[in-house]
Amino acid sequence: MRLDKYLADMGMGTRKEVKGLIRKGLVRVNDQVVKVPETAVTEEDQVVCNQVVVGYVQKEYYMLNKPAGVISATEDSRQKTVVDLIHTKKRKDLFPVGRLDKDTEGLLLITNDGELAHRLLSPKKHVGKVYYAKIRGEVTQEDVEIFKKGVPIEEDFTALPANLKVLQAGEESEIEVEIFEGKFHQVKRMFLAVGKEVMYLKRLSMGELKLDESLEPGEYRQLTEEELNKLRKGPIDLFKHNWQL
């Protein structure tokens, strides 16, 4: 690829900015100063820009424990985004796979792999997402049955069947719920439909990817090869899934 694209992809500046660095003689390829932005380079070449070694990475995959108060977006001039939290990223084209509400915590995959993101988010794939929640109101066995059949959220929309597990019931209940779609504020709207309110929400898993509980809110790490292989095996089919309540 072109040298200026290589450097821009790795976040060394805009195409215009890196062209300026190249023409000033601040870029070396295999120990040779290169002043032509169009110079062809490969991932095997050693590229140094402003005395910084710039290794090329085609794909990046990060598991983030999203904290409350941060939006699920790539950029925003007014507030911090989940991508801003990935301080060690090399690519400038990272994005969150799906979104969590601003006040929701937990698992979020950050990557630039569009194909994998599509497989995980496609409505046809029924990839399960498990959430832990604190609920204002007593969650009952009747609620479990309603969720299992599919909660009517609006007059013209009924959520897909969901697996609801009651961890603790009372004036304030604790639950885990697995849903197979990702509508706007879906978990909150499902509980509102049965007369209850979500006070706290945290995503625990997405498909085969489970949140690393050693990560504090705001912390992240790269995915392991084992985790990537599980994600690439294919999404879960709703009608073959056997999550035990």
C-alpha atoms as a PDB file:
ATOM      1  CA  MET A   1       0.000   0.000   0.000  1.00  0.00           C
ATOM      2  CA  ARG A   2       1.034   3.658  -0.219  1.00  0.00           C
ATOM      3  CA  LEU A   3       3.240   4.929   2.583  1.00  0.00           C
ATOM      4  CA  ASP A   4       0.918   7.831   3.398  1.00  0.00           C
ATOM      5  CA  LYS A   5      -2.068   5.470   3.721  1.00  0.00           C
ATOM      6  CA  TYR A   6      -0.032   3.119   5.918  1.00  0.00           C
ATOM      7  CA  LEU A   7       0.796   5.931   8.329  1.00  0.00           C
ATOM      8  CA  ALA A   8      -2.700   7.413   8.284  1.00  0.00           C
ATOM      9  CA  ASP A   9      -4.254   3.995   8.977  1.00  0.00           C
ATOM     10  CA  MET A  10      -2.003   3.667  12.024  1.00  0.00           C
ATOM     11  CA  GLY A  11      -3.152   6.991  13.425  1.00  0.00           C
ATOM     12  CA  MET A  12      -0.040   9.041  12.712  1.00  0.00           C
ATOM     13  CA  GLY A  13      -2.197  11.851  11.314  1.00  0.00           C
ATOM     14  CA  THR A  14      -4.496  12.656   8.423  1.00  0.00           C
ATOM     15  CA  ARG A  15      -3.359  11.845   4.896  1.00  0.00           C
ATOM     16  CA  LYS A  16      -2.427  15.514   4.460  1.00  0.00           C
ATOM     17  CA  GLU A  17      -0.488  15.586   7.735  1.00  0.00           C
ATOM     18  CA  VAL A  18       1.493  12.420   7.066  1.00  0.00           C
ATOM     19  CA  LYS A  19       2.339  13.590   3.550  1.00  0.00           C
ATOM     20  CA  GLY A  20       3.877  16.652   5.180  1.00  0.00           C
ATOM     21  CA  LEU A  21       5.926  14.485   7.552  1.00  0.00           C
ATOM     22  CA  ILE A  22       7.142  12.339   4.672  1.00  0.00           C
ATOM     23  CA  ARG A  23       8.186  15.298   2.535  1.00  0.00           C
ATOM     24  CA  LYS A  24      10.082  16.796   5.486  1.00  0.00           C
ATOM     25  CA  GLY A  25      12.217  13.646   5.656  1.00  0.00           C
ATOM     26  CA  LEU A  26      10.798  12.508   8.982  1.00  0.00           C
ATOM     27  CA  VAL A  27       9.874   9.025   7.757  1.00  0.00           C
ATOM     28  CA  ARG A  28      12.270   6.125   7.243  1.00  0.00           C
ATOM     29  CA  VAL A  29      11.513   2.799   5.571  1.00  0.00           C
ATOM     30  CA  ASN A  30      14.000   0.015   6.298  1.00  0.00           C
ATOM     31  CA  ASP A  31      16.511   2.624   7.567  1.00  0.00           C
ATOM     32  CA  GLN A  32      16.201   4.743   4.421  1.00  0.00           C
ATOM     33  CA  VAL A  33      14.661   8.224   4.451  1.00  0.00           C
ATOM     34  CA  VAL A  34      11.683   8.287   2.077  1.00  0.00           C
ATOM     35  CA  LYS A  35      10.218  11.583   0.880  1.00  0.00           C
ATOM     36  CA  VAL A  36       7.659  10.277  -1.615  1.00  0.00           C
ATOM     37  CA  PRO A  37       4.170   9.666  -0.094  1.00  0.00           C
ATOM     38  CA  GLU A  38       3.245   7.273  -2.914  1.00  0.00           C
ATOM     39  CA  THR A  39       6.099   4.880  -2.050  1.00  0.00           C
ATOM     40  CA  ALA A  40       4.792   1.297  -1.827  1.00  0.00           C
ATOM     41  CA  VAL A  41       5.303  -0.491   1.474  1.00  0.00           C
ATOM     42  CA  THR A  42       4.161  -3.795   2.973  1.00  0.00           C
ATOM     43  CA  GLU A  43       3.470  -5.023   6.502  1.00  0.00           C
ATOM     44  CA  GLU A  44       6.935  -6.587   6.518  1.00  0.00           C
ATOM     45  CA  ASP A  45       8.724  -3.257   6.058  1.00  0.00           C
ATOM     46  CA  GLN A  46      10.071  -1.396   9.078  1.00  0.00           C
ATOM     47  CA  VAL A  47       8.532   2.060   9.085  1.00  0.00           C
ATOM     48  CA  VAL A  48       9.676   4.792  11.480  1.00  0.00           C
ATOM     49  CA  CYS A  49       7.834   8.118  11.690  1.00  0.00           C
ATOM     50  CA  ASN A  50       9.166  10.936  13.856  1.00  0.00           C
ATOM     51  CA  GLN A  51      11.459   8.405  15.561  1.00  0.00           C
ATOM     52  CA  VAL A  52       8.475   6.173  16.402  1.00  0.00           C
ATOM     53  CA  VAL A  53       8.380   2.618  15.008  1.00  0.00           C
ATOM     54  CA  VAL A  54       5.001   2.182  13.309  1.00  0.00           C
ATOM     55  CA  GLY A  55       3.977  -1.460  12.983  1.00  0.00           C
ATOM     56  CA  TYR A  56       1.020  -2.154  10.729  1.00  0.00           C
ATOM     57  CA  VAL A  57      -2.006  -3.919  12.213  1.00  0.00           C
ATOM     58  CA  GLN A  58      -4.837  -4.908   9.914  1.00  0.00           C
ATOM     59  CA  LYS A  59      -7.434  -5.884  12.531  1.00  0.00           C
ATOM     60  CA  GLU A  60      -7.772  -5.055  16.214  1.00  0.00           C
ATOM     61  CA  TYR A  61     -10.118  -6.584  18.783  1.00  0.00           C
ATOM     62  CA  TYR A  62     -10.638  -5.186  22.277  1.00  0.00           C
ATOM     63  CA  MET A  63     -12.898  -6.246  25.119  1.00  0.00           C
ATOM     64  CA  LEU A  64     -14.019  -3.180  27.070  1.00  0.00           C
ATOM     65  CA  ASN A  65     -15.834  -3.115  30.387  1.00  0.00           C
ATOM     66  CA  LYS A  66     -17.857  -0.044  29.500  1.00  0.00           C
ATOM     67  CA  PRO A  67     -18.400   2.359  32.393  1.00  0.00           C
ATOM     68  CA  ALA A  68     -21.596   4.358  32.905  1.00  0.00           C
ATOM     69  CA  GLY A  69     -21.507   7.885  31.504  1.00  0.00           C
ATOM     70  CA  VAL A  70     -19.655   7.045  28.273  1.00  0.00           C
ATOM     71  CA  ILE A  71     -21.456   6.845  24.934  1.00  0.00           C
ATOM     72  CA  SER A  72     -21.194   3.975  22.462  1.00  0.00           C
ATOM     73  CA  ALA A  73     -19.883   5.914  19.464  1.00  0.00           C
ATOM     74  CA  THR A  74     -16.686   6.403  17.490  1.00  0.00           C
ATOM     75  CA  GLU A  75     -16.373  10.130  18.095  1.00  0.00           C
ATOM     76  CA  ASP A  76     -18.244  13.009  19.674  1.00  0.00           C
ATOM     77  CA  SER A  77     -17.003  16.577  20.104  1.00  0.00           C
ATOM     78  CA  ARG A  78     -19.003  17.080  23.307  1.00  0.00           C
ATOM     79  CA  GLN A  79     -18.336  13.950  25.351  1.00  0.00           C
ATOM     80  CA  LYS A  80     -16.090  10.924  25.756  1.00  0.00           C
ATOM     81  CA  THR A  81     -16.798   7.839  23.662  1.00  0.00           C
ATOM     82  CA  VAL A  82     -15.972   4.172  24.192  1.00  0.00           C
ATOM     83  CA  VAL A  83     -13.328   4.355  21.450  1.00  0.00           C
ATOM     84  CA  ASP A  84     -11.607   7.198  23.335  1.00  0.00           C
ATOM     85  CA  LEU A  85     -11.032   4.751  26.207  1.00  0.00           C
ATOM     86  CA  ILE A  86      -8.822   2.479  24.039  1.00  0.00           C
ATOM     87  CA  HIS A  87      -5.518   4.287  24.610  1.00  0.00           C
ATOM     88  CA  THR A  88      -3.286   1.619  23.041  1.00  0.00           C
ATOM     89  CA  LYS A  89      -5.171   1.366  19.737  1.00  0.00           C
ATOM     90  CA  LYS A  90      -3.178   1.513  16.531  1.00  0.00           C
ATOM     91  CA  ARG A  91      -6.041   1.739  14.060  1.00  0.00           C
ATOM     92  CA  LYS A  92      -8.089   4.899  13.652  1.00  0.00           C
ATOM     93  CA  ASP A  93     -11.114   3.046  12.229  1.00  0.00           C
ATOM     94  CA  LEU A  94     -12.240   1.218  15.381  1.00  0.00           C
ATOM     95  CA  PHE A  95     -15.917   1.147  16.303  1.00  0.00           C
ATOM     96  CA  PRO A  96     -18.126  -0.485  18.962  1.00  0.00           C
ATOM     97  CA  VAL A  97     -19.999  -3.611  17.903  1.00  0.00           C
ATOM     98  CA  GLY A  98     -23.524  -2.579  18.745  1.00  0.00           C
ATOM     99  CA  ARG A  99     -24.233  -0.110  21.501  1.00  0.00           C
ATOM    100  CA  LEU A 100     -24.909   0.085  25.193  1.00  0.00           C
ATOM    101  CA  ASP A 101     -26.965   2.935  26.629  1.00  0.00           C
ATOM    102  CA  LYS A 102     -24.958   5.721  28.217  1.00  0.00           C
ATOM    103  CA  ASP A 103     -25.865   4.592  31.741  1.00  0.00           C
ATOM    104  CA  THR A 104     -25.344   0.866  31.019  1.00  0.00           C
ATOM    105  CA  GLU A 105     -22.111  -0.904  31.952  1.00  0.00           C
ATOM    106  CA  GLY A 106     -20.409  -4.075  30.825  1.00  0.00           C
ATOM    107  CA  LEU A 107     -19.136  -5.980  27.843  1.00  0.00           C
ATOM    108  CA  LEU A 108     -18.514  -4.109  24.617  1.00  0.00           C
ATOM    109  CA  LEU A 109     -16.433  -5.354  21.693  1.00  0.00           C
ATOM    110  CA  ILE A 110     -14.336  -2.671  19.980  1.00  0.00           C
ATOM    111  CA  THR A 111     -12.881  -3.580  16.583  1.00  0.00           C
ATOM    112  CA  ASN A 112     -12.499  -2.610  12.944  1.00  0.00           C
ATOM    113  CA  ASP A 113     -13.662  -6.017  11.680  1.00  0.00           C
ATOM    114  CA  GLY A 114     -16.870  -5.159   9.837  1.00  0.00           C
ATOM    115  CA  GLU A 115     -17.575  -8.732   8.772  1.00  0.00           C
ATOM    116  CA  LEU A 116     -17.458 -10.051  12.343  1.00  0.00           C
ATOM    117  CA  ALA A 117     -19.585  -7.145  13.556  1.00  0.00           C
ATOM    118  CA  HIS A 118     -22.230  -7.919  10.939  1.00  0.00           C
ATOM    119  CA  ARG A 119     -22.384 -11.571  11.974  1.00  0.00           C
ATOM    120  CA  LEU A 120     -22.840 -10.623  15.627  1.00  0.00           C
ATOM    121  CA  LEU A 121     -25.430  -7.906  15.012  1.00  0.00           C
ATOM    122  CA  SER A 122     -27.501  -9.332  12.168  1.00  0.00           C
ATOM    123  CA  PRO A 123     -31.139  -9.754  13.293  1.00  0.00           C
ATOM    124  CA  LYS A 124     -31.238 -13.050  11.380  1.00  0.00           C
ATOM    125  CA  LYS A 125     -28.458 -14.588  13.475  1.00  0.00           C
ATOM    126  CA  HIS A 126     -30.141 -14.409  16.912  1.00  0.00           C
ATOM    127  CA  VAL A 127     -26.914 -13.883  18.838  1.00  0.00           C
ATOM    128  CA  GLY A 128     -27.722 -14.040  22.536  1.00  0.00           C
ATOM    129  CA  LYS A 129     -26.756 -11.223  24.897  1.00  0.00           C
ATOM    130  CA  VAL A 130     -26.885 -11.774  28.649  1.00  0.00           C
ATOM    131  CA  TYR A 131     -27.451  -8.897  31.076  1.00  0.00           C
ATOM    132  CA  TYR A 132     -27.419  -8.578  34.836  1.00  0.00           C
ATOM    133  CA  ALA A 133     -29.902  -6.059  36.228  1.00  0.00           C
ATOM    134  CA  LYS A 134     -31.255  -4.631  39.448  1.00  0.00           C
ATOM    135  CA  ILE A 135     -35.009  -4.120  39.205  1.00  0.00           C
ATOM    136  CA  ARG A 136     -37.350  -1.922  41.231  1.00  0.00           C
ATOM    137  CA  GLY A 137     -40.212  -4.273  42.025  1.00  0.00           C
ATOM    138  CA  GLU A 138     -40.574  -7.998  42.648  1.00  0.00           C
ATOM    139  CA  VAL A 139     -39.774 -10.123  39.598  1.00  0.00           C
ATOM    140  CA  THR A 140     -42.034 -13.175  39.625  1.00  0.00           C
ATOM    141  CA  GLN A 141     -42.384 -16.537  37.912  1.00  0.00           C
ATOM    142  CA  GLU A 142     -45.194 -14.957  35.921  1.00  0.00           C
ATOM    143  CA  ASP A 143     -42.672 -12.472  34.519  1.00  0.00           C
ATOM    144  CA  VAL A 144     -40.391 -15.379  33.611  1.00  0.00           C
ATOM    145  CA  GLU A 145     -43.209 -16.956  31.603  1.00  0.00           C
ATOM    146  CA  ILE A 146     -44.098 -13.674  29.888  1.00  0.00           C
ATOM    147  CA  PHE A 147     -40.481 -13.162  28.846  1.00  0.00           C
ATOM    148  CA  LYS A 148     -40.314 -16.751  27.586  1.00  0.00           C
ATOM    149  CA  LYS A 149     -43.287 -16.142  25.299  1.00  0.00           C
ATOM    150  CA  GLY A 150     -42.153 -12.688  24.150  1.00  0.00           C
ATOM    151  CA  VAL A 151     -42.999  -9.386  25.832  1.00  0.00           C
ATOM    152  CA  PRO A 152     -45.384  -7.060  23.959  1.00  0.00           C
ATOM    153  CA  ILE A 153     -43.478  -3.770  24.188  1.00  0.00           C
ATOM    154  CA  GLU A 154     -45.640  -1.670  21.929  1.00  0.00           C
ATOM    155  CA  GLU A 155     -48.942  -2.157  20.156  1.00  0.00           C
ATOM    156  CA  ASP A 156     -47.175  -3.298  16.995  1.00  0.00           C
ATOM    157  CA  PHE A 157     -44.000  -4.820  18.463  1.00  0.00           C
ATOM    158  CA  THR A 158     -43.428  -7.941  20.554  1.00  0.00           C
ATOM    159  CA  ALA A 159     -39.884  -8.802  21.622  1.00  0.00           C
ATOM    160  CA  LEU A 160     -38.472 -12.197  20.753  1.00  0.00           C
ATOM    161  CA  PRO A 161     -38.696 -14.832  23.502  1.00  0.00           C
ATOM    162  CA  ALA A 162     -36.104 -14.139  26.204  1.00  0.00           C
ATOM    163  CA  ASN A 163     -34.611 -16.181  29.041  1.00  0.00           C
ATOM    164  CA  LEU A 164     -35.237 -14.511  32.405  1.00  0.00           C
ATOM    165  CA  LYS A 165     -33.577 -15.887  35.556  1.00  0.00           C
ATOM    166  CA  VAL A 166     -34.477 -14.476  38.981  1.00  0.00           C
ATOM    167  CA  LEU A 167     -31.427 -14.280  41.244  1.00  0.00           C
ATOM    168  CA  GLN A 168     -33.164 -12.508  44.097  1.00  0.00           C
ATOM    169  CA  ALA A 169     -36.780 -11.372  44.402  1.00  0.00           C
ATOM    170  CA  GLY A 170     -38.132  -8.613  46.609  1.00  0.00           C
ATOM    171  CA  GLU A 171     -38.952  -4.917  46.567  1.00  0.00           C
ATOM    172  CA  GLU A 172     -35.698  -4.695  44.659  1.00  0.00           C
ATOM    173  CA  SER A 173     -34.909  -7.774  42.568  1.00  0.00           C
ATOM    174  CA  GLU A 174     -31.758  -9.032  40.874  1.00  0.00           C
ATOM    175  CA  ILE A 175     -31.990 -10.903  37.598  1.00  0.00           C
ATOM    176  CA  GLU A 176     -30.129 -12.164  34.565  1.00  0.00           C
ATOM    177  CA  VAL A 177     -31.840 -11.977  31.200  1.00  0.00           C
ATOM    178  CA  GLU A 178     -30.767 -13.225  27.795  1.00  0.00           C
ATOM    179  CA  ILE A 179     -32.214 -11.481  24.760  1.00  0.00           C
ATOM    180  CA  PHE A 180     -31.727 -12.259  21.074  1.00  0.00           C
ATOM    181  CA  GLU A 181     -32.164  -8.852  19.485  1.00  0.00           C
ATOM    182  CA  GLY A 182     -30.997  -5.330  20.254  1.00  0.00           C
ATOM    183  CA  LYS A 183     -33.803  -2.812  20.018  1.00  0.00           C
ATOM    184  CA  PHE A 184     -33.432   0.657  21.555  1.00  0.00           C
ATOM    185  CA  HIS A 185     -33.567   0.447  25.397  1.00  0.00           C
ATOM    186  CA  GLN A 186     -34.897  -3.073  24.959  1.00  0.00           C
ATOM    187  CA  VAL A 187     -34.294  -4.563  28.420  1.00  0.00           C
ATOM    188  CA  LYS A 188     -35.628  -1.422  30.105  1.00  0.00           C
ATOM    189  CA  ARG A 189     -38.712  -1.412  27.894  1.00  0.00           C
ATOM    190  CA  MET A 190     -39.376  -5.108  28.515  1.00  0.00           C
ATOM    191  CA  PHE A 191     -39.467  -4.588  32.263  1.00  0.00           C
ATOM    192  CA  LEU A 192     -41.559  -1.446  31.941  1.00  0.00           C
ATOM    193  CA  ALA A 193     -44.052  -3.560  30.003  1.00  0.00           C
ATOM    194  CA  VAL A 194     -44.496  -5.777  33.086  1.00  0.00           C
ATOM    195  CA  GLY A 195     -44.716  -2.810  35.464  1.00  0.00           C
ATOM    196  CA  LYS A 196     -41.136  -2.720  36.744  1.00  0.00           C
ATOM    197  CA  GLU A 197     -38.110  -0.434  36.394  1.00  0.00           C
ATOM    198  CA  VAL A 198     -34.473  -1.229  35.620  1.00  0.00           C
ATOM    199  CA  MET A 199     -32.265   0.610  38.111  1.00  0.00           C
ATOM    200  CA  TYR A 200     -28.903  -0.834  37.018  1.00  0.00           C
ATOM    201  CA  LEU A 201     -27.904  -2.743  33.889  1.00  0.00           C
ATOM    202  CA  LYS A 202     -24.694  -4.525  32.948  1.00  0.00           C
ATOM    203  CA  ARG A 203     -23.987  -6.714  29.913  1.00  0.00           C
ATOM    204  CA  LEU A 204     -22.207  -9.948  30.814  1.00  0.00           C
ATOM    205  CA  SER A 205     -21.840 -11.675  27.455  1.00  0.00           C
ATOM    206  CA  MET A 206     -22.448 -11.465  23.725  1.00  0.00           C
ATOM    207  CA  GLY A 207     -22.608 -14.774  21.937  1.00  0.00           C
ATOM    208  CA  GLU A 208     -19.615 -16.804  23.096  1.00  0.00           C
ATOM    209  CA  LEU A 209     -17.733 -13.736  24.351  1.00  0.00           C
ATOM    210  CA  LYS A 210     -17.964 -13.289  28.127  1.00  0.00           C
ATOM    211  CA  LEU A 211     -16.891 -10.233  30.086  1.00  0.00           C
ATOM    212  CA  ASP A 212     -13.565 -10.658  31.855  1.00  0.00           C
ATOM    213  CA  GLU A 213     -14.613  -9.881  35.427  1.00  0.00           C
ATOM    214  CA  SER A 214     -11.059  -8.805  36.298  1.00  0.00           C
ATOM    215  CA  LEU A 215     -11.609  -5.702  34.157  1.00  0.00           C
ATOM    216  CA  GLU A 216     -12.769  -2.704  36.184  1.00  0.00           C
ATOM    217  CA  PRO A 217     -15.218  -0.296  34.519  1.00  0.00           C
ATOM    218  CA  GLY A 218     -13.256   1.629  31.895  1.00  0.00           C
ATOM    219  CA  GLU A 219     -10.552  -1.027  31.570  1.00  0.00           C
ATOM    220  CA  TYR A 220      -9.975  -3.125  28.462  1.00  0.00           C
ATOM    221  CA  ARG A 221      -7.743  -5.781  26.941  1.00  0.00           C
ATOM    222  CA  GLN A 222      -7.172  -7.399  23.581  1.00  0.00           C
ATOM    223  CA  LEU A 223      -9.189 -10.508  22.800  1.00  0.00           C
ATOM    224  CA  THR A 224      -7.352 -13.817  23.051  1.00  0.00           C
ATOM    225  CA  GLU A 225      -7.049 -16.140  20.064  1.00  0.00           C
ATOM    226  CA  GLU A 226      -9.397 -18.564  21.827  1.00  0.00           C
ATOM    227  CA  GLU A 227     -12.053 -15.866  22.202  1.00  0.00           C
ATOM    228  CA  LEU A 228     -11.674 -14.817  18.578  1.00  0.00           C
ATOM    229  CA  ASN A 229     -11.977 -18.402  17.380  1.00  0.00           C
ATOM    230  CA  LYS A 230     -15.222 -18.851  19.356  1.00  0.00           C
ATOM    231  CA  LEU A 231     -16.689 -15.702  17.824  1.00  0.00           C
ATOM    232  CA  ARG A 232     -15.683 -16.768  14.330  1.00  0.00           C
ATOM    233  CA  LYS A 233     -17.302 -20.203  14.649  1.00  0.00           C
ATOM    234  CA  GLY A 234     -20.647 -18.599  14.053  1.00  0.00           C
ATOM    235  CA  PRO A 235     -23.520 -17.078  15.963  1.00  0.00           C
ATOM    236  CA  ILE A 236     -25.975 -18.945  18.124  1.00  0.00           C
ATOM    237  CA  ASP A 237     -29.298 -19.995  16.639  1.00  0.00           C
ATOM    238  CA  LEU A 238     -32.195 -18.998  18.887  1.00  0.00           C
ATOM    239  CA  PHE A 239     -34.046 -22.245  18.283  1.00  0.00           C
ATOM    240  CA  LYS A 240     -31.035 -24.477  19.043  1.00  0.00           C
ATOM    241  CA  HIS A 241     -29.857 -22.586  22.119  1.00  0.00           C
ATOM    242  CA  ASN A 242     -30.239 -24.300  25.472  1.00  0.00           C
ATOM    243  CA  TRP A 243     -29.444 -21.695  28.122  1.00  0.00           C
ATOM    244  CA  GLN A 244     -30.616 -23.350  31.352  1.00  0.00           C
ATOM    245  CA  LEU A 245     -32.723 -21.311  33.778  1.00  0.00           C
END
